[in-house]
Amino acid sequence: MDNLGDFLHGLRELAEASFPKRCPTCGRTFETAAEFVAQTQPVRANHSGVKQAQNDNGVAMLELYRNCPCGSTLMDFFSERRDTSDKGLLRRKRFEELHAYLVANGVDKVLARTELLKVMRGEPSELLKKIAPPPQKKSA
């Protein structure tokens, strides 16, 4: 991996509410995880500042320790982006099915993904309201 940014690719913030993050010593504010990494330094030379850990549910996560320009050590948490539980895999499969259905009905791939993600976050999708739902699968 070329740099810490590459290493963190594919990870998301465990606590999305942790940004903006504010240094308690100098008051500097980091608006995003990317800004946090770009504007801070590793705690030690030749060390990424990344520590592997597990949360209370046994899910692997990373602790990222960085020094603010003022010298104060800050930390944030990151976890694997995908839910690999049975329920998570079923949700992923259904998402892929719905995405394929939308694309087959003329919706751009990126737009289809964006609209499905909106609905998953509880936001309305005017586009999806206009498209007939896929036919129900018949049970055997």
N, C-alpha and C. Protein backbone atom coordinates (compact mmCIF):
# COMPACT_ATOMS: atom_id res chain seq x y z
N MET A 1 0.84 -1.16 0.00
CA MET A 1 0.00 0.00 0.00
C MET A 1 0.89 1.23 0.00
N ASP A 2 0.53 2.19 -0.82
CA ASP A 2 1.39 3.34 -1.02
C ASP A 2 1.40 4.31 0.15
N ASN A 3 0.27 4.56 0.74
CA ASN A 3 0.22 5.51 1.84
C ASN A 3 -0.98 5.19 2.73
N LEU A 4 -1.10 5.97 3.77
CA LEU A 4 -2.17 5.72 4.73
C LEU A 4 -3.55 5.86 4.09
N GLY A 5 -3.68 6.79 3.14
CA GLY A 5 -4.95 6.96 2.44
C GLY A 5 -5.36 5.69 1.71
N ASP A 6 -4.39 5.03 1.03
CA ASP A 6 -4.68 3.76 0.36
C ASP A 6 -5.07 2.70 1.38
N PHE A 7 -4.37 2.70 2.51
CA PHE A 7 -4.64 1.71 3.54
C PHE A 7 -6.07 1.84 4.07
N LEU A 8 -6.52 3.08 4.20
CA LEU A 8 -7.85 3.32 4.74
C LEU A 8 -8.95 3.20 3.70
N HIS A 9 -8.57 3.06 2.42
CA HIS A 9 -9.57 2.92 1.37
C HIS A 9 -10.43 1.69 1.66
N GLY A 10 -11.72 1.82 1.52
CA GLY A 10 -12.61 0.70 1.78
C GLY A 10 -13.09 0.62 3.21
N LEU A 11 -12.61 1.53 4.04
CA LEU A 11 -13.06 1.57 5.43
C LEU A 11 -13.97 2.78 5.62
N ARG A 12 -14.84 2.69 6.57
CA ARG A 12 -15.67 3.86 6.87
C ARG A 12 -15.55 4.17 8.35
N GLU A 13 -15.96 5.34 8.71
CA GLU A 13 -15.89 5.72 10.12
C GLU A 13 -16.85 4.88 10.94
N LEU A 14 -16.38 4.35 12.02
CA LEU A 14 -17.24 3.57 12.91
C LEU A 14 -18.29 4.49 13.53
N ALA A 15 -17.87 5.63 13.95
CA ALA A 15 -18.81 6.60 14.50
C ALA A 15 -18.86 7.79 13.56
N GLU A 16 -19.85 7.78 12.66
CA GLU A 16 -19.92 8.83 11.64
C GLU A 16 -20.06 10.20 12.28
N ALA A 17 -20.58 10.26 13.46
CA ALA A 17 -20.75 11.55 14.14
C ALA A 17 -19.45 12.09 14.70
N SER A 18 -18.34 11.36 14.52
CA SER A 18 -17.08 11.82 15.08
C SER A 18 -16.46 12.98 14.30
N PHE A 19 -17.02 13.29 13.14
CA PHE A 19 -16.53 14.45 12.38
C PHE A 19 -17.65 15.46 12.27
N PRO A 20 -17.32 16.72 12.41
CA PRO A 20 -15.96 17.23 12.53
C PRO A 20 -15.35 16.85 13.88
N LYS A 21 -14.04 16.64 13.86
CA LYS A 21 -13.26 16.30 15.05
C LYS A 21 -12.47 17.54 15.44
N ARG A 22 -12.47 17.86 16.73
CA ARG A 22 -11.79 19.05 17.21
C ARG A 22 -10.68 18.65 18.17
N CYS A 23 -9.50 19.24 17.98
CA CYS A 23 -8.39 19.00 18.90
C CYS A 23 -8.69 19.73 20.20
N PRO A 24 -8.69 19.02 21.33
CA PRO A 24 -9.00 19.67 22.60
C PRO A 24 -7.90 20.62 23.08
N THR A 25 -6.69 20.48 22.53
CA THR A 25 -5.58 21.32 22.96
C THR A 25 -5.55 22.67 22.26
N CYS A 26 -5.61 22.65 20.91
CA CYS A 26 -5.48 23.90 20.16
C CYS A 26 -6.78 24.38 19.52
N GLY A 27 -7.80 23.51 19.47
CA GLY A 27 -9.07 23.90 18.89
C GLY A 27 -9.18 23.70 17.39
N ARG A 28 -8.12 23.21 16.76
CA ARG A 28 -8.17 22.97 15.31
C ARG A 28 -9.27 21.96 15.00
N THR A 29 -10.00 22.19 13.90
CA THR A 29 -11.11 21.32 13.52
C THR A 29 -10.79 20.58 12.23
N PHE A 30 -11.08 19.29 12.22
CA PHE A 30 -10.92 18.43 11.04
C PHE A 30 -12.33 18.05 10.61
N GLU A 31 -12.75 18.50 9.44
CA GLU A 31 -14.13 18.32 8.98
C GLU A 31 -14.44 16.88 8.56
N THR A 32 -13.45 16.17 8.00
CA THR A 32 -13.67 14.82 7.48
C THR A 32 -12.51 13.91 7.88
N ALA A 33 -12.70 12.60 7.70
CA ALA A 33 -11.62 11.65 7.97
C ALA A 33 -10.44 11.91 7.04
N ALA A 34 -10.72 12.23 5.78
CA ALA A 34 -9.64 12.50 4.82
C ALA A 34 -8.83 13.71 5.26
N GLU A 35 -9.51 14.75 5.72
CA GLU A 35 -8.83 15.96 6.20
C GLU A 35 -8.02 15.63 7.46
N PHE A 36 -8.58 14.81 8.34
CA PHE A 36 -7.90 14.39 9.56
C PHE A 36 -6.57 13.72 9.23
N VAL A 37 -6.57 12.80 8.27
CA VAL A 37 -5.35 12.09 7.89
C VAL A 37 -4.37 13.04 7.20
N ALA A 38 -4.87 13.88 6.30
CA ALA A 38 -4.00 14.76 5.51
C ALA A 38 -3.34 15.84 6.36
N GLN A 39 -4.03 16.32 7.39
CA GLN A 39 -3.53 17.47 8.15
C GLN A 39 -2.89 17.10 9.48
N THR A 40 -2.71 15.81 9.72
CA THR A 40 -2.04 15.36 10.94
C THR A 40 -0.83 14.52 10.55
N GLN A 41 -0.02 14.18 11.53
CA GLN A 41 1.20 13.42 11.29
C GLN A 41 1.16 12.11 12.08
N PRO A 42 1.91 11.09 11.59
CA PRO A 42 2.02 9.85 12.38
C PRO A 42 2.59 10.16 13.76
N VAL A 43 2.21 9.37 14.74
CA VAL A 43 2.69 9.57 16.11
C VAL A 43 4.20 9.35 16.18
N ARG A 44 4.70 8.35 15.45
CA ARG A 44 6.14 8.07 15.41
C ARG A 44 6.57 7.91 13.96
N ALA A 45 7.83 8.25 13.68
CA ALA A 45 8.38 8.04 12.34
C ALA A 45 8.38 6.55 12.03
N ASN A 46 8.16 6.19 10.79
CA ASN A 46 8.15 4.80 10.34
C ASN A 46 7.07 3.96 11.02
N HIS A 47 6.00 4.59 11.46
CA HIS A 47 4.89 3.86 12.08
C HIS A 47 3.59 4.50 11.60
N SER A 48 2.66 3.68 11.12
CA SER A 48 1.43 4.21 10.54
C SER A 48 0.49 4.83 11.57
N GLY A 49 0.59 4.41 12.82
CA GLY A 49 -0.35 4.89 13.83
C GLY A 49 -1.64 4.09 13.85
N VAL A 50 -1.67 3.00 13.08
CA VAL A 50 -2.87 2.17 13.00
C VAL A 50 -2.70 0.97 13.94
N LYS A 51 -3.73 0.73 14.76
CA LYS A 51 -3.71 -0.40 15.68
C LYS A 51 -4.97 -1.23 15.45
N GLN A 52 -4.82 -2.53 15.27
CA GLN A 52 -5.96 -3.41 15.08
C GLN A 52 -6.62 -3.68 16.43
N ALA A 53 -7.95 -3.71 16.42
CA ALA A 53 -8.70 -3.96 17.65
C ALA A 53 -10.02 -4.64 17.28
N GLN A 54 -10.82 -4.95 18.28
CA GLN A 54 -12.17 -5.49 18.07
C GLN A 54 -13.14 -4.69 18.91
N ASN A 55 -14.35 -4.48 18.34
CA ASN A 55 -15.36 -3.79 19.14
C ASN A 55 -16.03 -4.79 20.08
N ASP A 56 -17.04 -4.34 20.81
CA ASP A 56 -17.71 -5.20 21.79
C ASP A 56 -18.40 -6.40 21.17
N ASN A 57 -18.71 -6.33 19.88
CA ASN A 57 -19.37 -7.44 19.17
C ASN A 57 -18.37 -8.35 18.47
N GLY A 58 -17.08 -8.12 18.66
CA GLY A 58 -16.07 -8.95 18.04
C GLY A 58 -15.76 -8.58 16.60
N VAL A 59 -16.28 -7.45 16.13
CA VAL A 59 -16.03 -7.01 14.75
C VAL A 59 -14.67 -6.32 14.70
N ALA A 60 -13.87 -6.70 13.70
CA ALA A 60 -12.55 -6.10 13.55
C ALA A 60 -12.67 -4.62 13.24
N MET A 61 -11.80 -3.84 13.85
CA MET A 61 -11.77 -2.41 13.58
C MET A 61 -10.34 -1.92 13.73
N LEU A 62 -10.14 -0.69 13.32
CA LEU A 62 -8.83 -0.08 13.43
C LEU A 62 -8.92 1.15 14.30
N GLU A 63 -7.90 1.36 15.10
CA GLU A 63 -7.76 2.62 15.83
C GLU A 63 -6.66 3.38 15.12
N LEU A 64 -6.89 4.63 14.81
CA LEU A 64 -5.92 5.45 14.09
C LEU A 64 -5.46 6.57 15.02
N TYR A 65 -4.17 6.55 15.36
CA TYR A 65 -3.58 7.56 16.22
C TYR A 65 -2.77 8.52 15.35
N ARG A 66 -3.03 9.82 15.48
CA ARG A 66 -2.33 10.84 14.69
C ARG A 66 -2.02 12.03 15.60
N ASN A 67 -0.96 12.76 15.26
CA ASN A 67 -0.62 13.97 15.99
C ASN A 67 -1.13 15.19 15.26
N CYS A 68 -1.84 16.03 15.98
CA CYS A 68 -2.28 17.32 15.48
C CYS A 68 -1.02 18.17 15.27
N PRO A 69 -1.06 19.17 14.40
CA PRO A 69 0.11 20.05 14.25
C PRO A 69 0.57 20.68 15.58
N CYS A 70 -0.33 20.80 16.56
CA CYS A 70 0.07 21.36 17.86
C CYS A 70 0.82 20.34 18.72
N GLY A 71 0.84 19.06 18.29
CA GLY A 71 1.55 18.03 19.04
C GLY A 71 0.64 17.10 19.84
N SER A 72 -0.61 17.45 20.00
CA SER A 72 -1.55 16.62 20.74
C SER A 72 -1.88 15.35 19.95
N THR A 73 -1.94 14.20 20.62
CA THR A 73 -2.28 12.95 19.96
C THR A 73 -3.80 12.79 19.93
N LEU A 74 -4.31 12.52 18.72
CA LEU A 74 -5.75 12.33 18.50
C LEU A 74 -5.98 10.90 18.03
N MET A 75 -7.20 10.39 18.20
CA MET A 75 -7.51 9.04 17.78
C MET A 75 -8.88 9.00 17.13
N ASP A 76 -9.04 8.11 16.15
CA ASP A 76 -10.36 7.84 15.59
C ASP A 76 -10.47 6.35 15.33
N PHE A 77 -11.71 5.88 15.12
CA PHE A 77 -11.99 4.46 14.90
C PHE A 77 -12.50 4.25 13.48
N PHE A 78 -12.13 3.13 12.89
CA PHE A 78 -12.62 2.75 11.57
C PHE A 78 -12.96 1.27 11.60
N SER A 79 -13.97 0.88 10.82
CA SER A 79 -14.33 -0.54 10.75
C SER A 79 -14.58 -0.94 9.32
N GLU A 80 -14.63 -2.24 9.09
CA GLU A 80 -14.90 -2.76 7.75
C GLU A 80 -16.24 -2.23 7.28
N ARG A 81 -16.29 -1.83 6.04
CA ARG A 81 -17.47 -1.19 5.48
C ARG A 81 -18.63 -2.15 5.32
N ARG A 82 -18.38 -3.38 4.95
CA ARG A 82 -19.46 -4.30 4.61
C ARG A 82 -19.90 -5.14 5.80
N ASP A 83 -21.21 -5.35 5.87
CA ASP A 83 -21.81 -6.24 6.87
C ASP A 83 -21.79 -7.64 6.27
N THR A 84 -20.99 -8.53 6.86
CA THR A 84 -20.86 -9.89 6.30
C THR A 84 -21.71 -10.92 7.05
N SER A 85 -22.62 -10.44 7.90
CA SER A 85 -23.54 -11.37 8.57
C SER A 85 -24.51 -11.92 7.52
N ASP A 86 -25.26 -12.96 7.89
CA ASP A 86 -26.26 -13.52 6.96
C ASP A 86 -27.25 -12.45 6.53
N LYS A 87 -27.70 -11.66 7.49
CA LYS A 87 -28.66 -10.59 7.19
C LYS A 87 -28.02 -9.55 6.26
N GLY A 88 -26.78 -9.21 6.52
CA GLY A 88 -26.07 -8.24 5.67
C GLY A 88 -25.89 -8.76 4.25
N LEU A 89 -25.58 -10.04 4.12
CA LEU A 89 -25.40 -10.64 2.78
C LEU A 89 -26.72 -10.66 2.02
N LEU A 90 -27.83 -10.92 2.72
CA LEU A 90 -29.15 -10.89 2.08
C LEU A 90 -29.49 -9.48 1.60
N ARG A 91 -29.18 -8.47 2.45
CA ARG A 91 -29.43 -7.08 2.05
C ARG A 91 -28.61 -6.72 0.82
N ARG A 92 -27.36 -7.16 0.80
CA ARG A 92 -26.47 -6.87 -0.33
C ARG A 92 -27.00 -7.52 -1.61
N LYS A 93 -27.45 -8.78 -1.50
CA LYS A 93 -28.00 -9.48 -2.66
C LYS A 93 -29.23 -8.76 -3.19
N ARG A 94 -30.11 -8.34 -2.28
CA ARG A 94 -31.32 -7.63 -2.70
C ARG A 94 -30.97 -6.29 -3.34
N PHE A 95 -29.99 -5.59 -2.79
CA PHE A 95 -29.54 -4.32 -3.38
C PHE A 95 -29.07 -4.56 -4.81
N GLU A 96 -28.25 -5.60 -5.00
CA GLU A 96 -27.73 -5.92 -6.34
C GLU A 96 -28.87 -6.26 -7.30
N GLU A 97 -29.88 -7.00 -6.82
CA GLU A 97 -31.03 -7.34 -7.67
C GLU A 97 -31.80 -6.09 -8.09
N LEU A 98 -32.05 -5.21 -7.12
CA LEU A 98 -32.78 -3.97 -7.43
C LEU A 98 -31.97 -3.07 -8.35
N HIS A 99 -30.68 -3.01 -8.12
CA HIS A 99 -29.81 -2.20 -8.98
C HIS A 99 -29.87 -2.72 -10.41
N ALA A 100 -29.75 -4.03 -10.59
CA ALA A 100 -29.81 -4.63 -11.93
C ALA A 100 -31.16 -4.36 -12.58
N TYR A 101 -32.24 -4.43 -11.80
CA TYR A 101 -33.58 -4.16 -12.32
C TYR A 101 -33.68 -2.72 -12.82
N LEU A 102 -33.19 -1.78 -12.04
CA LEU A 102 -33.26 -0.37 -12.44
C LEU A 102 -32.44 -0.11 -13.71
N VAL A 103 -31.24 -0.68 -13.77
CA VAL A 103 -30.39 -0.50 -14.95
C VAL A 103 -31.06 -1.12 -16.18
N ALA A 104 -31.66 -2.30 -16.01
CA ALA A 104 -32.36 -2.96 -17.12
C ALA A 104 -33.56 -2.14 -17.60
N ASN A 105 -34.07 -1.27 -16.73
CA ASN A 105 -35.19 -0.41 -17.09
C ASN A 105 -34.75 1.00 -17.47
N GLY A 106 -33.48 1.13 -17.86
CA GLY A 106 -32.99 2.37 -18.44
C GLY A 106 -32.40 3.40 -17.49
N VAL A 107 -32.26 3.08 -16.21
CA VAL A 107 -31.67 4.03 -15.27
C VAL A 107 -30.15 3.88 -15.32
N ASP A 108 -29.45 5.00 -15.38
CA ASP A 108 -27.99 5.00 -15.36
C ASP A 108 -27.48 4.27 -14.11
N LYS A 109 -26.38 3.51 -14.24
CA LYS A 109 -25.85 2.71 -13.13
C LYS A 109 -25.57 3.55 -11.88
N VAL A 110 -24.90 4.68 -12.08
CA VAL A 110 -24.54 5.52 -10.93
C VAL A 110 -25.78 6.11 -10.28
N LEU A 111 -26.71 6.57 -11.11
CA LEU A 111 -27.95 7.15 -10.58
C LEU A 111 -28.77 6.09 -9.83
N ALA A 112 -28.82 4.88 -10.36
CA ALA A 112 -29.55 3.79 -9.70
C ALA A 112 -28.97 3.53 -8.31
N ARG A 113 -27.67 3.47 -8.22
CA ARG A 113 -27.00 3.23 -6.94
C ARG A 113 -27.30 4.37 -5.97
N THR A 114 -27.17 5.60 -6.46
CA THR A 114 -27.42 6.78 -5.62
C THR A 114 -28.84 6.78 -5.06
N GLU A 115 -29.81 6.48 -5.91
CA GLU A 115 -31.21 6.49 -5.48
C GLU A 115 -31.50 5.36 -4.50
N LEU A 116 -30.93 4.18 -4.72
CA LEU A 116 -31.13 3.07 -3.78
C LEU A 116 -30.52 3.41 -2.41
N LEU A 117 -29.35 4.01 -2.42
CA LEU A 117 -28.71 4.39 -1.16
C LEU A 117 -29.52 5.45 -0.41
N LYS A 118 -30.13 6.36 -1.16
CA LYS A 118 -31.01 7.36 -0.53
C LYS A 118 -32.12 6.67 0.25
N VAL A 119 -32.79 5.73 -0.40
CA VAL A 119 -33.91 5.03 0.23
C VAL A 119 -33.42 4.25 1.46
N MET A 120 -32.24 3.65 1.36
CA MET A 120 -31.69 2.90 2.50
C MET A 120 -31.44 3.81 3.70
N ARG A 121 -31.13 5.09 3.44
CA ARG A 121 -30.91 6.05 4.52
C ARG A 121 -32.21 6.68 5.01
N GLY A 122 -33.34 6.26 4.41
CA GLY A 122 -34.63 6.79 4.82
C GLY A 122 -35.03 8.06 4.10
N GLU A 123 -34.29 8.42 3.06
CA GLU A 123 -34.61 9.62 2.28
C GLU A 123 -35.56 9.24 1.14
N PRO A 124 -36.40 10.18 0.70
CA PRO A 124 -37.30 9.88 -0.43
C PRO A 124 -36.54 9.87 -1.76
N SER A 125 -37.05 9.12 -2.71
CA SER A 125 -36.50 9.10 -4.07
C SER A 125 -37.64 9.33 -5.04
N GLU A 126 -37.68 10.51 -5.61
CA GLU A 126 -38.73 10.82 -6.59
C GLU A 126 -38.60 9.90 -7.81
N LEU A 127 -37.38 9.58 -8.20
CA LEU A 127 -37.16 8.70 -9.35
C LEU A 127 -37.76 7.32 -9.11
N LEU A 128 -37.48 6.73 -7.95
CA LEU A 128 -37.97 5.38 -7.67
C LEU A 128 -39.48 5.33 -7.52
N LYS A 129 -40.10 6.44 -7.13
CA LYS A 129 -41.56 6.50 -7.04
C LYS A 129 -42.20 6.34 -8.42
N LYS A 130 -41.47 6.70 -9.47
CA LYS A 130 -42.00 6.68 -10.84
C LYS A 130 -41.79 5.35 -11.55
N ILE A 131 -41.02 4.45 -10.96
CA ILE A 131 -40.68 3.18 -11.61
C ILE A 131 -41.49 2.05 -10.98
N ALA A 132 -42.09 1.23 -11.84
CA ALA A 132 -42.86 0.08 -11.34
C ALA A 132 -41.91 -0.88 -10.62
N PRO A 133 -42.34 -1.41 -9.48
CA PRO A 133 -41.48 -2.35 -8.75
C PRO A 133 -41.30 -3.64 -9.53
N PRO A 134 -40.22 -4.36 -9.25
CA PRO A 134 -40.02 -5.64 -9.94
C PRO A 134 -41.11 -6.63 -9.55
N PRO A 135 -41.41 -7.57 -10.44
CA PRO A 135 -42.44 -8.57 -10.11
C PRO A 135 -42.02 -9.39 -8.89
N GLN A 136 -43.00 -9.78 -8.10
CA GLN A 136 -42.74 -10.61 -6.92
C GLN A 136 -42.27 -11.98 -7.35
N LYS A 137 -41.30 -12.54 -6.63
CA LYS A 137 -40.86 -13.90 -6.90
C LYS A 137 -41.89 -14.86 -6.34
N LYS A 138 -42.23 -15.87 -7.14
CA LYS A 138 -43.20 -16.88 -6.68
C LYS A 138 -42.49 -17.88 -5.79
N SER A 139 -43.11 -18.18 -4.66
CA SER A 139 -42.51 -19.17 -3.77
C SER A 139 -42.92 -20.57 -4.20
N ALA A 140 -42.03 -21.52 -3.99
CA ALA A 140 -42.27 -22.90 -4.44
C ALA A 140 -43.20 -23.65 -3.56
